[in-house]
Amino acid sequence: MTVAQQINWDFKTNGNLEIKNKNGKRIYFEDSSGFWTKREYDSKCNQIYYENSNGRWRKSEYDSEGNLSYFEKLNGFWKKMEYDSQGNLIYYEDSTGRITDKRPKPCSDKEIVIDGVKYKLTKV
């Protein structure tokens, strides 16, 4: 049962049903055909969930700086990201196997062997 059905919404008199949160963001919409959408937002007004009456959905997560850090949708596709302190993308991975890793790599405790002699790498 849809929200409009639950509250006996009269579409002829009132038009489409639209519900917004305290920040003015649409959290529910329904039209006279029965099509509906619903959305959820985090405390920073980032949309974290979307679903509609056709069965489509997607969810998102954001880091403390508001950068998209995770995304997933109905077909199983997902991606995750990490950012540096300037907001630059430094890591990306998705469900297709694509990985881009630009995160800094520490050199400590790394050894290489040249002509049989071991050398320890240090950051300069």
PDB file of N, CA and C in Angstrom:
ATOM      1  N   MET A   1       0.845  -1.177   0.000  1.00  0.00           N
ATOM      2  CA  MET A   1       0.000   0.000   0.000  1.00  0.00           C
ATOM      3  C   MET A   1       0.892   1.244   0.000  1.00  0.00           C
ATOM      4  N   THR A   2       0.605   2.174  -0.895  1.00  0.00           N
ATOM      5  CA  THR A   2       1.408   3.398  -0.987  1.00  0.00           C
ATOM      6  C   THR A   2       1.003   4.379   0.107  1.00  0.00           C
ATOM      7  N   VAL A   3       1.810   5.402   0.278  1.00  0.00           N
ATOM      8  CA  VAL A   3       1.505   6.441   1.275  1.00  0.00           C
ATOM      9  C   VAL A   3       0.188   7.134   0.914  1.00  0.00           C
ATOM     10  N   ALA A   4       0.001   7.448  -0.370  1.00  0.00           N
ATOM     11  CA  ALA A   4      -1.233   8.114  -0.798  1.00  0.00           C
ATOM     12  C   ALA A   4      -2.454   7.257  -0.483  1.00  0.00           C
ATOM     13  N   GLN A   5      -2.334   5.964  -0.666  1.00  0.00           N
ATOM     14  CA  GLN A   5      -3.440   5.069  -0.338  1.00  0.00           C
ATOM     15  C   GLN A   5      -3.694   5.044   1.168  1.00  0.00           C
ATOM     16  N   GLN A   6      -2.630   5.057   1.939  1.00  0.00           N
ATOM     17  CA  GLN A   6      -2.774   5.014   3.400  1.00  0.00           C
ATOM     18  C   GLN A   6      -3.481   6.248   3.945  1.00  0.00           C
ATOM     19  N   ILE A   7      -3.234   7.391   3.331  1.00  0.00           N
ATOM     20  CA  ILE A   7      -3.831   8.634   3.860  1.00  0.00           C
ATOM     21  C   ILE A   7      -5.009   9.115   3.011  1.00  0.00           C
ATOM     22  N   ASN A   8      -5.449   8.283   2.059  1.00  0.00           N
ATOM     23  CA  ASN A   8      -6.568   8.622   1.169  1.00  0.00           C
ATOM     24  C   ASN A   8      -6.341   9.959   0.453  1.00  0.00           C
ATOM     25  N   TRP A   9      -5.158  10.115  -0.142  1.00  0.00           N
ATOM     26  CA  TRP A   9      -4.795  11.340  -0.855  1.00  0.00           C
ATOM     27  C   TRP A   9      -5.658  11.505  -2.094  1.00  0.00           C
ATOM     28  N   ASP A  10      -6.210  12.678  -2.290  1.00  0.00           N
ATOM     29  CA  ASP A  10      -7.023  12.979  -3.456  1.00  0.00           C
ATOM     30  C   ASP A  10      -6.146  13.708  -4.484  1.00  0.00           C
ATOM     31  N   PHE A  11      -5.696  12.980  -5.507  1.00  0.00           N
ATOM     32  CA  PHE A  11      -4.807  13.552  -6.511  1.00  0.00           C
ATOM     33  C   PHE A  11      -5.495  14.622  -7.354  1.00  0.00           C
ATOM     34  N   LYS A  12      -6.802  14.459  -7.615  1.00  0.00           N
ATOM     35  CA  LYS A  12      -7.523  15.463  -8.414  1.00  0.00           C
ATOM     36  C   LYS A  12      -7.539  16.810  -7.697  1.00  0.00           C
ATOM     37  N   THR A  13      -7.771  16.786  -6.403  1.00  0.00           N
ATOM     38  CA  THR A  13      -7.850  18.022  -5.625  1.00  0.00           C
ATOM     39  C   THR A  13      -6.472  18.565  -5.269  1.00  0.00           C
ATOM     40  N   ASN A  14      -5.570  17.663  -4.847  1.00  0.00           N
ATOM     41  CA  ASN A  14      -4.290  18.080  -4.270  1.00  0.00           C
ATOM     42  C   ASN A  14      -3.092  17.979  -5.208  1.00  0.00           C
ATOM     43  N   GLY A  15      -3.251  17.288  -6.326  1.00  0.00           N
ATOM     44  CA  GLY A  15      -2.097  17.077  -7.208  1.00  0.00           C
ATOM     45  C   GLY A  15      -1.205  15.972  -6.663  1.00  0.00           C
ATOM     46  N   ASN A  16       0.017  15.932  -7.143  1.00  0.00           N
ATOM     47  CA  ASN A  16       0.959  14.901  -6.702  1.00  0.00           C
ATOM     48  C   ASN A  16       1.265  15.051  -5.218  1.00  0.00           C
ATOM     49  N   LEU A  17       1.547  13.943  -4.579  1.00  0.00           N
ATOM     50  CA  LEU A  17       1.916  13.948  -3.162  1.00  0.00           C
ATOM     51  C   LEU A  17       3.423  14.133  -3.053  1.00  0.00           C
ATOM     52  N   GLU A  18       3.842  15.142  -2.323  1.00  0.00           N
ATOM     53  CA  GLU A  18       5.263  15.414  -2.132  1.00  0.00           C
ATOM     54  C   GLU A  18       5.500  15.717  -0.654  1.00  0.00           C
ATOM     55  N   ILE A  19       6.449  15.021  -0.067  1.00  0.00           N
ATOM     56  CA  ILE A  19       6.808  15.240   1.333  1.00  0.00           C
ATOM     57  C   ILE A  19       8.284  15.636   1.371  1.00  0.00           C
ATOM     58  N   LYS A  20       8.570  16.720   2.085  1.00  0.00           N
ATOM     59  CA  LYS A  20       9.952  17.202   2.209  1.00  0.00           C
ATOM     60  C   LYS A  20      10.381  17.133   3.671  1.00  0.00           C
ATOM     61  N   ASN A  21      11.688  17.030   3.884  1.00  0.00           N
ATOM     62  CA  ASN A  21      12.209  17.044   5.247  1.00  0.00           C
ATOM     63  C   ASN A  21      12.380  18.490   5.723  1.00  0.00           C
ATOM     64  N   LYS A  22      12.884  18.664   6.925  1.00  0.00           N
ATOM     65  CA  LYS A  22      13.015  20.017   7.504  1.00  0.00           C
ATOM     66  C   LYS A  22      13.990  20.897   6.731  1.00  0.00           C
ATOM     67  N   ASN A  23      14.858  20.285   5.909  1.00  0.00           N
ATOM     68  CA  ASN A  23      15.809  21.044   5.096  1.00  0.00           C
ATOM     69  C   ASN A  23      15.284  21.335   3.693  1.00  0.00           C
ATOM     70  N   GLY A  24      14.025  20.983   3.450  1.00  0.00           N
ATOM     71  CA  GLY A  24      13.433  21.240   2.149  1.00  0.00           C
ATOM     72  C   GLY A  24      13.761  20.205   1.092  1.00  0.00           C
ATOM     73  N   LYS A  25      14.380  19.111   1.481  1.00  0.00           N
ATOM     74  CA  LYS A  25      14.719  18.041   0.540  1.00  0.00           C
ATOM     75  C   LYS A  25      13.538  17.086   0.393  1.00  0.00           C
ATOM     76  N   ARG A  26      13.218  16.727  -0.841  1.00  0.00           N
ATOM     77  CA  ARG A  26      12.110  15.800  -1.088  1.00  0.00           C
ATOM     78  C   ARG A  26      12.484  14.414  -0.562  1.00  0.00           C
ATOM     79  N   ILE A  27      11.664  13.879   0.313  1.00  0.00           N
ATOM     80  CA  ILE A  27      11.907  12.528   0.828  1.00  0.00           C
ATOM     81  C   ILE A  27      10.882  11.526   0.307  1.00  0.00           C
ATOM     82  N   TYR A  28       9.762  12.028  -0.209  1.00  0.00           N
ATOM     83  CA  TYR A  28       8.762  11.134  -0.790  1.00  0.00           C
ATOM     84  C   TYR A  28       8.000  11.875  -1.878  1.00  0.00           C
ATOM     85  N   PHE A  29       7.719  11.149  -2.961  1.00  0.00           N
ATOM     86  CA  PHE A  29       6.920  11.686  -4.062  1.00  0.00           C
ATOM     87  C   PHE A  29       6.050  10.555  -4.585  1.00  0.00           C
ATOM     88  N   GLU A  30       4.823  10.894  -4.908  1.00  0.00           N
ATOM     89  CA  GLU A  30       3.931   9.911  -5.522  1.00  0.00           C
ATOM     90  C   GLU A  30       3.004  10.632  -6.487  1.00  0.00           C
ATOM     91  N   ASP A  31       2.761  10.002  -7.649  1.00  0.00           N
ATOM     92  CA  ASP A  31       1.817  10.595  -8.594  1.00  0.00           C
ATOM     93  C   ASP A  31       0.561   9.721  -8.693  1.00  0.00           C
ATOM     94  N   SER A  32      -0.396  10.180  -9.474  1.00  0.00           N
ATOM     95  CA  SER A  32      -1.691   9.505  -9.544  1.00  0.00           C
ATOM     96  C   SER A  32      -1.629   8.123 -10.184  1.00  0.00           C
ATOM     97  N   SER A  33      -0.554   7.819 -10.891  1.00  0.00           N
ATOM     98  CA  SER A  33      -0.405   6.484 -11.486  1.00  0.00           C
ATOM     99  C   SER A  33       0.070   5.454 -10.460  1.00  0.00           C
ATOM    100  N   GLY A  34       0.463   5.936  -9.273  1.00  0.00           N
ATOM    101  CA  GLY A  34       0.974   5.035  -8.240  1.00  0.00           C
ATOM    102  C   GLY A  34       2.492   4.979  -8.213  1.00  0.00           C
ATOM    103  N   PHE A  35       3.138   5.667  -9.160  1.00  0.00           N
ATOM    104  CA  PHE A  35       4.605   5.711  -9.144  1.00  0.00           C
ATOM    105  C   PHE A  35       5.062   6.549  -7.952  1.00  0.00           C
ATOM    106  N   TRP A  36       6.041   6.033  -7.209  1.00  0.00           N
ATOM    107  CA  TRP A  36       6.557   6.764  -6.050  1.00  0.00           C
ATOM    108  C   TRP A  36       8.073   6.664  -5.988  1.00  0.00           C
ATOM    109  N   THR A  37       8.648   7.628  -5.309  1.00  0.00           N
ATOM    110  CA  THR A  37      10.079   7.610  -5.009  1.00  0.00           C
ATOM    111  C   THR A  37      10.243   8.000  -3.546  1.00  0.00           C
ATOM    112  N   LYS A  38      11.274   7.451  -2.931  1.00  0.00           N
ATOM    113  CA  LYS A  38      11.621   7.909  -1.589  1.00  0.00           C
ATOM    114  C   LYS A  38      13.123   8.046  -1.490  1.00  0.00           C
ATOM    115  N   ARG A  39      13.531   9.009  -0.682  1.00  0.00           N
ATOM    116  CA  ARG A  39      14.944   9.333  -0.515  1.00  0.00           C
ATOM    117  C   ARG A  39      15.234   9.527   0.962  1.00  0.00           C
ATOM    118  N   GLU A  40      16.489   9.234   1.330  1.00  0.00           N
ATOM    119  CA  GLU A  40      16.961   9.516   2.686  1.00  0.00           C
ATOM    120  C   GLU A  40      18.236  10.334   2.568  1.00  0.00           C
ATOM    121  N   TYR A  41      18.460  11.185   3.560  1.00  0.00           N
ATOM    122  CA  TYR A  41      19.623  12.070   3.577  1.00  0.00           C
ATOM    123  C   TYR A  41      20.343  11.940   4.906  1.00  0.00           C
ATOM    124  N   ASP A  42      21.657  12.171   4.892  1.00  0.00           N
ATOM    125  CA  ASP A  42      22.407  12.190   6.146  1.00  0.00           C
ATOM    126  C   ASP A  42      22.320  13.583   6.773  1.00  0.00           C
ATOM    127  N   SER A  43      22.983  13.780   7.889  1.00  0.00           N
ATOM    128  CA  SER A  43      22.900  15.053   8.616  1.00  0.00           C
ATOM    129  C   SER A  43      23.503  16.226   7.839  1.00  0.00           C
ATOM    130  N   LYS A  44      24.284  15.927   6.788  1.00  0.00           N
ATOM    131  CA  LYS A  44      24.874  16.987   5.959  1.00  0.00           C
ATOM    132  C   LYS A  44      24.104  17.177   4.648  1.00  0.00           C
ATOM    133  N   CYS A  45      22.899  16.628   4.593  1.00  0.00           N
ATOM    134  CA  CYS A  45      22.009  16.744   3.427  1.00  0.00           C
ATOM    135  C   CYS A  45      22.502  15.987   2.191  1.00  0.00           C
ATOM    136  N   ASN A  46      23.399  15.032   2.358  1.00  0.00           N
ATOM    137  CA  ASN A  46      23.804  14.168   1.255  1.00  0.00           C
ATOM    138  C   ASN A  46      22.766  13.065   1.107  1.00  0.00           C
ATOM    139  N   GLN A  47      22.326  12.816  -0.127  1.00  0.00           N
ATOM    140  CA  GLN A  47      21.370  11.733  -0.350  1.00  0.00           C
ATOM    141  C   GLN A  47      22.075  10.404  -0.147  1.00  0.00           C
ATOM    142  N   ILE A  48      21.584   9.601   0.774  1.00  0.00           N
ATOM    143  CA  ILE A  48      22.222   8.323   1.080  1.00  0.00           C
ATOM    144  C   ILE A  48      21.402   7.118   0.625  1.00  0.00           C
ATOM    145  N   TYR A  49      20.155   7.346   0.230  1.00  0.00           N
ATOM    146  CA  TYR A  49      19.322   6.234  -0.233  1.00  0.00           C
ATOM    147  C   TYR A  49      18.265   6.753  -1.191  1.00  0.00           C
ATOM    148  N   TYR A  50      17.992   5.963  -2.217  1.00  0.00           N
ATOM    149  CA  TYR A  50      16.935   6.265  -3.174  1.00  0.00           C
ATOM    150  C   TYR A  50      16.269   4.954  -3.538  1.00  0.00           C
ATOM    151  N   GLU A  51      14.957   4.984  -3.629  1.00  0.00           N
ATOM    152  CA  GLU A  51      14.199   3.808  -4.040  1.00  0.00           C
ATOM    153  C   GLU A  51      12.964   4.291  -4.790  1.00  0.00           C
ATOM    154  N   ASN A  52      12.502   3.487  -5.767  1.00  0.00           N
ATOM    155  CA  ASN A  52      11.247   3.846  -6.427  1.00  0.00           C
ATOM    156  C   ASN A  52      10.358   2.624  -6.595  1.00  0.00           C
ATOM    157  N   SER A  53       9.147   2.871  -7.038  1.00  0.00           N
ATOM    158  CA  SER A  53       8.152   1.804  -7.143  1.00  0.00           C
ATOM    159  C   SER A  53       8.462   0.808  -8.256  1.00  0.00           C
ATOM    160  N   ASN A  54       9.404   1.099  -9.116  1.00  0.00           N
ATOM    161  CA  ASN A  54       9.828   0.146 -10.149  1.00  0.00           C
ATOM    162  C   ASN A  54      10.850  -0.846  -9.619  1.00  0.00           C
ATOM    163  N   GLY A  55      11.201  -0.726  -8.335  1.00  0.00           N
ATOM    164  CA  GLY A  55      12.150  -1.651  -7.721  1.00  0.00           C
ATOM    165  C   GLY A  55      13.593  -1.195  -7.793  1.00  0.00           C
ATOM    166  N   ARG A  56      13.836  -0.041  -8.366  1.00  0.00           N
ATOM    167  CA  ARG A  56      15.214   0.471  -8.441  1.00  0.00           C
ATOM    168  C   ARG A  56      15.604   1.092  -7.109  1.00  0.00           C
ATOM    169  N   TRP A  57      16.862   0.915  -6.749  1.00  0.00           N
ATOM    170  CA  TRP A  57      17.381   1.529  -5.526  1.00  0.00           C
ATOM    171  C   TRP A  57      18.875   1.759  -5.673  1.00  0.00           C
ATOM    172  N   ARG A  58      19.371   2.660  -4.843  1.00  0.00           N
ATOM    173  CA  ARG A  58      20.806   2.919  -4.751  1.00  0.00           C
ATOM    174  C   ARG A  58      21.084   3.494  -3.371  1.00  0.00           C
ATOM    175  N   LYS A  59      22.271   3.216  -2.882  1.00  0.00           N
ATOM    176  CA  LYS A  59      22.652   3.790  -1.598  1.00  0.00           C
ATOM    177  C   LYS A  59      24.060   4.339  -1.689  1.00  0.00           C
ATOM    178  N   SER A  60      24.309   5.359  -0.893  1.00  0.00           N
ATOM    179  CA  SER A  60      25.590   6.054  -0.915  1.00  0.00           C
ATOM    180  C   SER A  60      26.038   6.320   0.510  1.00  0.00           C
ATOM    181  N   GLU A  61      27.354   6.418   0.673  1.00  0.00           N
ATOM    182  CA  GLU A  61      27.938   6.827   1.950  1.00  0.00           C
ATOM    183  C   GLU A  61      28.941   7.930   1.652  1.00  0.00           C
ATOM    184  N   TYR A  62      29.107   8.815   2.621  1.00  0.00           N
ATOM    185  CA  TYR A  62      30.003   9.958   2.455  1.00  0.00           C
ATOM    186  C   TYR A  62      30.957  10.009   3.636  1.00  0.00           C
ATOM    187  N   ASP A  63      32.187  10.484   3.378  1.00  0.00           N
ATOM    188  CA  ASP A  63      33.146  10.649   4.476  1.00  0.00           C
ATOM    189  C   ASP A  63      32.844  11.937   5.246  1.00  0.00           C
ATOM    190  N   SER A  64      33.623  12.219   6.260  1.00  0.00           N
ATOM    191  CA  SER A  64      33.369  13.382   7.123  1.00  0.00           C
ATOM    192  C   SER A  64      33.504  14.713   6.385  1.00  0.00           C
ATOM    193  N   GLU A  65      34.164  14.702   5.226  1.00  0.00           N
ATOM    194  CA  GLU A  65      34.324  15.920   4.426  1.00  0.00           C
ATOM    195  C   GLU A  65      33.242  16.057   3.354  1.00  0.00           C
ATOM    196  N   GLY A  66      32.320  15.103   3.288  1.00  0.00           N
ATOM    197  CA  GLY A  66      31.245  15.163   2.305  1.00  0.00           C
ATOM    198  C   GLY A  66      31.579  14.532   0.969  1.00  0.00           C
ATOM    199  N   ASN A  67      32.696  13.826   0.881  1.00  0.00           N
ATOM    200  CA  ASN A  67      33.076  13.137  -0.354  1.00  0.00           C
ATOM    201  C   ASN A  67      32.371  11.778  -0.421  1.00  0.00           C
ATOM    202  N   LEU A  68      31.889  11.419  -1.593  1.00  0.00           N
ATOM    203  CA  LEU A  68      31.272  10.113  -1.788  1.00  0.00           C
ATOM    204  C   LEU A  68      32.317   9.030  -1.542  1.00  0.00           C
ATOM    205  N   SER A  69      32.062   8.153  -0.587  1.00  0.00           N
ATOM    206  CA  SER A  69      33.038   7.109  -0.260  1.00  0.00           C
ATOM    207  C   SER A  69      32.554   5.714  -0.633  1.00  0.00           C
ATOM    208  N   TYR A  70      31.245   5.540  -0.837  1.00  0.00           N
ATOM    209  CA  TYR A  70      30.707   4.237  -1.215  1.00  0.00           C
ATOM    210  C   TYR A  70      29.411   4.444  -1.978  1.00  0.00           C
ATOM    211  N   PHE A  71      29.194   3.614  -3.003  1.00  0.00           N
ATOM    212  CA  PHE A  71      27.979   3.680  -3.804  1.00  0.00           C
ATOM    213  C   PHE A  71      27.621   2.265  -4.219  1.00  0.00           C
ATOM    214  N   GLU A  72      26.341   1.951  -4.141  1.00  0.00           N
ATOM    215  CA  GLU A  72      25.868   0.633  -4.559  1.00  0.00           C
ATOM    216  C   GLU A  72      24.484   0.796  -5.169  1.00  0.00           C
ATOM    217  N   LYS A  73      24.191  -0.039  -6.196  1.00  0.00           N
ATOM    218  CA  LYS A  73      22.857   0.027  -6.778  1.00  0.00           C
ATOM    219  C   LYS A  73      22.309  -1.368  -7.060  1.00  0.00           C
ATOM    220  N   LEU A  74      21.055  -1.390  -7.445  1.00  0.00           N
ATOM    221  CA  LEU A  74      20.265  -2.598  -7.622  1.00  0.00           C
ATOM    222  C   LEU A  74      20.971  -3.713  -8.393  1.00  0.00           C
ATOM    223  N   ASN A  75      21.650  -3.380  -9.467  1.00  0.00           N
ATOM    224  CA  ASN A  75      22.249  -4.409 -10.319  1.00  0.00           C
ATOM    225  C   ASN A  75      23.500  -5.040  -9.714  1.00  0.00           C
ATOM    226  N   GLY A  76      23.850  -4.661  -8.487  1.00  0.00           N
ATOM    227  CA  GLY A  76      25.013  -5.238  -7.822  1.00  0.00           C
ATOM    228  C   GLY A  76      26.285  -4.426  -7.986  1.00  0.00           C
ATOM    229  N   PHE A  77      26.243  -3.417  -8.842  1.00  0.00           N
ATOM    230  CA  PHE A  77      27.432  -2.580  -9.016  1.00  0.00           C
ATOM    231  C   PHE A  77      27.691  -1.788  -7.739  1.00  0.00           C
ATOM    232  N   TRP A  78      28.963  -1.738  -7.336  1.00  0.00           N
ATOM    233  CA  TRP A  78      29.370  -0.924  -6.198  1.00  0.00           C
ATOM    234  C   TRP A  78      30.726  -0.312  -6.497  1.00  0.00           C
ATOM    235  N   LYS A  79      31.007   0.774  -5.774  1.00  0.00           N
ATOM    236  CA  LYS A  79      32.327   1.381  -5.865  1.00  0.00           C
ATOM    237  C   LYS A  79      32.642   2.018  -4.523  1.00  0.00           C
ATOM    238  N   LYS A  80      33.930   2.051  -4.199  1.00  0.00           N
ATOM    239  CA  LYS A  80      34.356   2.722  -2.975  1.00  0.00           C
ATOM    240  C   LYS A  80      35.551   3.598  -3.290  1.00  0.00           C
ATOM    241  N   MET A  81      35.625   4.715  -2.563  1.00  0.00           N
ATOM    242  CA  MET A  81      36.646   5.709  -2.835  1.00  0.00           C
ATOM    243  C   MET A  81      37.237   6.228  -1.529  1.00  0.00           C
ATOM    244  N   GLU A  82      38.489   6.695  -1.629  1.00  0.00           N
ATOM    245  CA  GLU A  82      39.149   7.388  -0.521  1.00  0.00           C
ATOM    246  C   GLU A  82      39.767   8.663  -1.083  1.00  0.00           C
ATOM    247  N   TYR A  83      39.870   9.665  -0.225  1.00  0.00           N
ATOM    248  CA  TYR A  83      40.378  10.974  -0.640  1.00  0.00           C
ATOM    249  C   TYR A  83      41.474  11.433   0.311  1.00  0.00           C
ATOM    250  N   ASP A  84      42.376  12.272  -0.190  1.00  0.00           N
ATOM    251  CA  ASP A  84      43.388  12.852   0.686  1.00  0.00           C
ATOM    252  C   ASP A  84      42.808  14.075   1.394  1.00  0.00           C
ATOM    253  N   SER A  85      43.609  14.743   2.202  1.00  0.00           N
ATOM    254  CA  SER A  85      43.122  15.876   3.000  1.00  0.00           C
ATOM    255  C   SER A  85      42.713  17.084   2.139  1.00  0.00           C
ATOM    256  N   GLN A  86      43.126  17.112   0.866  1.00  0.00           N
ATOM    257  CA  GLN A  86      42.719  18.187  -0.031  1.00  0.00           C
ATOM    258  C   GLN A  86      41.479  17.809  -0.860  1.00  0.00           C
ATOM    259  N   GLY A  87      40.937  16.625  -0.620  1.00  0.00           N
ATOM    260  CA  GLY A  87      39.750  16.180  -1.346  1.00  0.00           C
ATOM    261  C   GLY A  87      40.039  15.520  -2.679  1.00  0.00           C
ATOM    262  N   ASN A  88      41.311  15.206  -2.938  1.00  0.00           N
ATOM    263  CA  ASN A  88      41.677  14.532  -4.180  1.00  0.00           C
ATOM    264  C   ASN A  88      41.453  13.025  -4.040  1.00  0.00           C
ATOM    265  N   LEU A  89      40.887  12.410  -5.072  1.00  0.00           N
ATOM    266  CA  LEU A  89      40.656  10.977  -5.074  1.00  0.00           C
ATOM    267  C   LEU A  89      41.999  10.247  -5.101  1.00  0.00           C
ATOM    268  N   ILE A  90      42.245   9.408  -4.101  1.00  0.00           N
ATOM    269  CA  ILE A  90      43.509   8.665  -4.055  1.00  0.00           C
ATOM    270  C   ILE A  90      43.310   7.156  -4.124  1.00  0.00           C
ATOM    271  N   TYR A  91      42.057   6.687  -3.994  1.00  0.00           N
ATOM    272  CA  TYR A  91      41.784   5.256  -4.110  1.00  0.00           C
ATOM    273  C   TYR A  91      40.400   5.060  -4.695  1.00  0.00           C
ATOM    274  N   TYR A  92      40.303   4.140  -5.657  1.00  0.00           N
ATOM    275  CA  TYR A  92      39.031   3.798  -6.272  1.00  0.00           C
ATOM    276  C   TYR A  92      39.023   2.300  -6.510  1.00  0.00           C
ATOM    277  N   GLU A  93      37.918   1.674  -6.170  1.00  0.00           N
ATOM    278  CA  GLU A  93      37.731   0.251  -6.449  1.00  0.00           C
ATOM    279  C   GLU A  93      36.261   0.033  -6.756  1.00  0.00           C
ATOM    280  N   ASP A  94      35.973  -0.852  -7.729  1.00  0.00           N
ATOM    281  CA  ASP A  94      34.573  -1.148  -8.008  1.00  0.00           C
ATOM    282  C   ASP A  94      34.354  -2.640  -8.232  1.00  0.00           C
ATOM    283  N   SER A  95      33.096  -2.999  -8.361  1.00  0.00           N
ATOM    284  CA  SER A  95      32.715  -4.405  -8.459  1.00  0.00           C
ATOM    285  C   SER A  95      33.125  -5.053  -9.777  1.00  0.00           C
ATOM    286  N   THR A  96      33.571  -4.278 -10.747  1.00  0.00           N
ATOM    287  CA  THR A  96      34.055  -4.852 -12.005  1.00  0.00           C
ATOM    288  C   THR A  96      35.522  -5.256 -11.907  1.00  0.00           C
ATOM    289  N   GLY A  97      36.153  -4.940 -10.773  1.00  0.00           N
ATOM    290  CA  GLY A  97      37.556  -5.273 -10.579  1.00  0.00           C
ATOM    291  C   GLY A  97      38.505  -4.122 -10.850  1.00  0.00           C
ATOM    292  N   ARG A  98      37.980  -2.993 -11.231  1.00  0.00           N
ATOM    293  CA  ARG A  98      38.828  -1.821 -11.498  1.00  0.00           C
ATOM    294  C   ARG A  98      39.343  -1.261 -10.175  1.00  0.00           C
ATOM    295  N   ILE A  99      40.642  -1.066 -10.095  1.00  0.00           N
ATOM    296  CA  ILE A  99      41.269  -0.486  -8.903  1.00  0.00           C
ATOM    297  C   ILE A  99      42.288   0.556  -9.353  1.00  0.00           C
ATOM    298  N   THR A 100      42.190   1.729  -8.763  1.00  0.00           N
ATOM    299  CA  THR A 100      43.186   2.780  -8.957  1.00  0.00           C
ATOM    300  C   THR A 100      43.649   3.177  -7.563  1.00  0.00           C
ATOM    301  N   ASP A 101      44.938   3.008  -7.299  1.00  0.00           N
ATOM    302  CA  ASP A 101      45.464   3.270  -5.958  1.00  0.00           C
ATOM    303  C   ASP A 101      46.600   4.281  -6.037  1.00  0.00           C
ATOM    304  N   LYS A 102      46.317   5.491  -5.593  1.00  0.00           N
ATOM    305  CA  LYS A 102      47.321   6.556  -5.566  1.00  0.00           C
ATOM    306  C   LYS A 102      47.652   6.943  -4.128  1.00  0.00           C
ATOM    307  N   ARG A 103      47.325   6.049  -3.176  1.00  0.00           N
ATOM    308  CA  ARG A 103      47.614   6.343  -1.771  1.00  0.00           C
ATOM    309  C   ARG A 103      49.125   6.317  -1.553  1.00  0.00           C
ATOM    310  N   PRO A 104      49.620   7.178  -0.664  1.00  0.00           N
ATOM    311  CA  PRO A 104      51.059   7.167  -0.382  1.00  0.00           C
ATOM    312  C   PRO A 104      51.468   5.819   0.207  1.00  0.00           C
ATOM    313  N   LYS A 105      52.617   5.345  -0.202  1.00  0.00           N
ATOM    314  CA  LYS A 105      53.125   4.059   0.284  1.00  0.00           C
ATOM    315  C   LYS A 105      54.344   4.306   1.164  1.00  0.00           C
ATOM    316  N   PRO A 106      54.308   3.835   2.378  1.00  0.00           N
ATOM    317  CA  PRO A 106      55.477   4.010   3.250  1.00  0.00           C
ATOM    318  C   PRO A 106      56.650   3.163   2.773  1.00  0.00           C
ATOM    319  N   CYS A 107      57.840   3.682   2.946  1.00  0.00           N
ATOM    320  CA  CYS A 107      59.048   2.977   2.514  1.00  0.00           C
ATOM    321  C   CYS A 107      59.694   2.198   3.652  1.00  0.00           C
ATOM    322  N   SER A 108      59.314   2.479   4.883  1.00  0.00           N
ATOM    323  CA  SER A 108      59.997   1.853   6.016  1.00  0.00           C
ATOM    324  C   SER A 108      59.923   0.337   5.935  1.00  0.00           C
ATOM    325  N   ASP A 109      60.995  -0.272   6.350  1.00  0.00           N
ATOM    326  CA  ASP A 109      61.138  -1.735   6.380  1.00  0.00           C
ATOM    327  C   ASP A 109      61.094  -2.387   5.004  1.00  0.00           C
ATOM    328  N   LYS A 110      61.331  -1.626   3.942  1.00  0.00           N
ATOM    329  CA  LYS A 110      61.406  -2.196   2.607  1.00  0.00           C
ATOM    330  C   LYS A 110      62.881  -2.433   2.287  1.00  0.00           C
ATOM    331  N   GLU A 111      63.149  -3.580   1.762  1.00  0.00           N
ATOM    332  CA  GLU A 111      64.529  -3.903   1.408  1.00  0.00           C
ATOM    333  C   GLU A 111      64.607  -4.296  -0.055  1.00  0.00           C
ATOM    334  N   ILE A 112      65.727  -3.925  -0.664  1.00  0.00           N
ATOM    335  CA  ILE A 112      66.003  -4.377  -2.020  1.00  0.00           C
ATOM    336  C   ILE A 112      67.388  -5.008  -2.015  1.00  0.00           C
ATOM    337  N   VAL A 113      67.633  -5.857  -2.985  1.00  0.00           N
ATOM    338  CA  VAL A 113      68.933  -6.517  -3.090  1.00  0.00           C
ATOM    339  C   VAL A 113      69.544  -6.129  -4.428  1.00  0.00           C
ATOM    340  N   ILE A 114      70.758  -5.561  -4.369  1.00  0.00           N
ATOM    341  CA  ILE A 114      71.495  -5.201  -5.575  1.00  0.00           C
ATOM    342  C   ILE A 114      72.860  -5.877  -5.481  1.00  0.00           C
ATOM    343  N   ASP A 115      73.161  -6.701  -6.478  1.00  0.00           N
ATOM    344  CA  ASP A 115      74.427  -7.445  -6.503  1.00  0.00           C
ATOM    345  C   ASP A 115      74.670  -8.185  -5.187  1.00  0.00           C
ATOM    346  N   GLY A 116      73.617  -8.792  -4.647  1.00  0.00           N
ATOM    347  CA  GLY A 116      73.762  -9.587  -3.442  1.00  0.00           C
ATOM    348  C   GLY A 116      73.823  -8.794  -2.147  1.00  0.00           C
ATOM    349  N   VAL A 117      73.752  -7.459  -2.229  1.00  0.00           N
ATOM    350  CA  VAL A 117      73.809  -6.621  -1.031  1.00  0.00           C
ATOM    351  C   VAL A 117      72.416  -6.080  -0.742  1.00  0.00           C
ATOM    352  N   LYS A 118      71.957  -6.220   0.530  1.00  0.00           N
ATOM    353  CA  LYS A 118      70.644  -5.728   0.931  1.00  0.00           C
ATOM    354  C   LYS A 118      70.726  -4.254   1.301  1.00  0.00           C
ATOM    355  N   TYR A 119      69.762  -3.484   0.823  1.00  0.00           N
ATOM    356  CA  TYR A 119      69.642  -2.064   1.148  1.00  0.00           C
ATOM    357  C   TYR A 119      68.248  -1.818   1.713  1.00  0.00           C
ATOM    358  N   LYS A 120      68.186  -0.997   2.754  1.00  0.00           N
ATOM    359  CA  LYS A 120      66.896  -0.625   3.331  1.00  0.00           C
ATOM    360  C   LYS A 120      66.501   0.734   2.766  1.00  0.00           C
ATOM    361  N   LEU A 121      65.256   0.825   2.254  1.00  0.00           N
ATOM    362  CA  LEU A 121      64.751   2.069   1.695  1.00  0.00           C
ATOM    363  C   LEU A 121      64.290   2.997   2.824  1.00  0.00           C
ATOM    364  N   THR A 122      64.584   4.260   2.653  1.00  0.00           N
ATOM    365  CA  THR A 122      64.092   5.263   3.593  1.00  0.00           C
ATOM    366  C   THR A 122      63.491   6.411   2.806  1.00  0.00           C
ATOM    367  N   LYS A 123      62.494   7.064   3.376  1.00  0.00           N
ATOM    368  CA  LYS A 123      61.833   8.188   2.727  1.00  0.00           C
ATOM    369  C   LYS A 123      62.708   9.420   2.853  1.00  0.00           C
ATOM    370  N   VAL A 124      62.868  10.155   1.736  1.00  0.00           N
ATOM    371  CA  VAL A 124      63.683  11.377   1.774  1.00  0.00           C
ATOM    372  C   VAL A 124      62.818  12.598   1.573  1.00  0.00           C
TER     373      VAL A 124
END
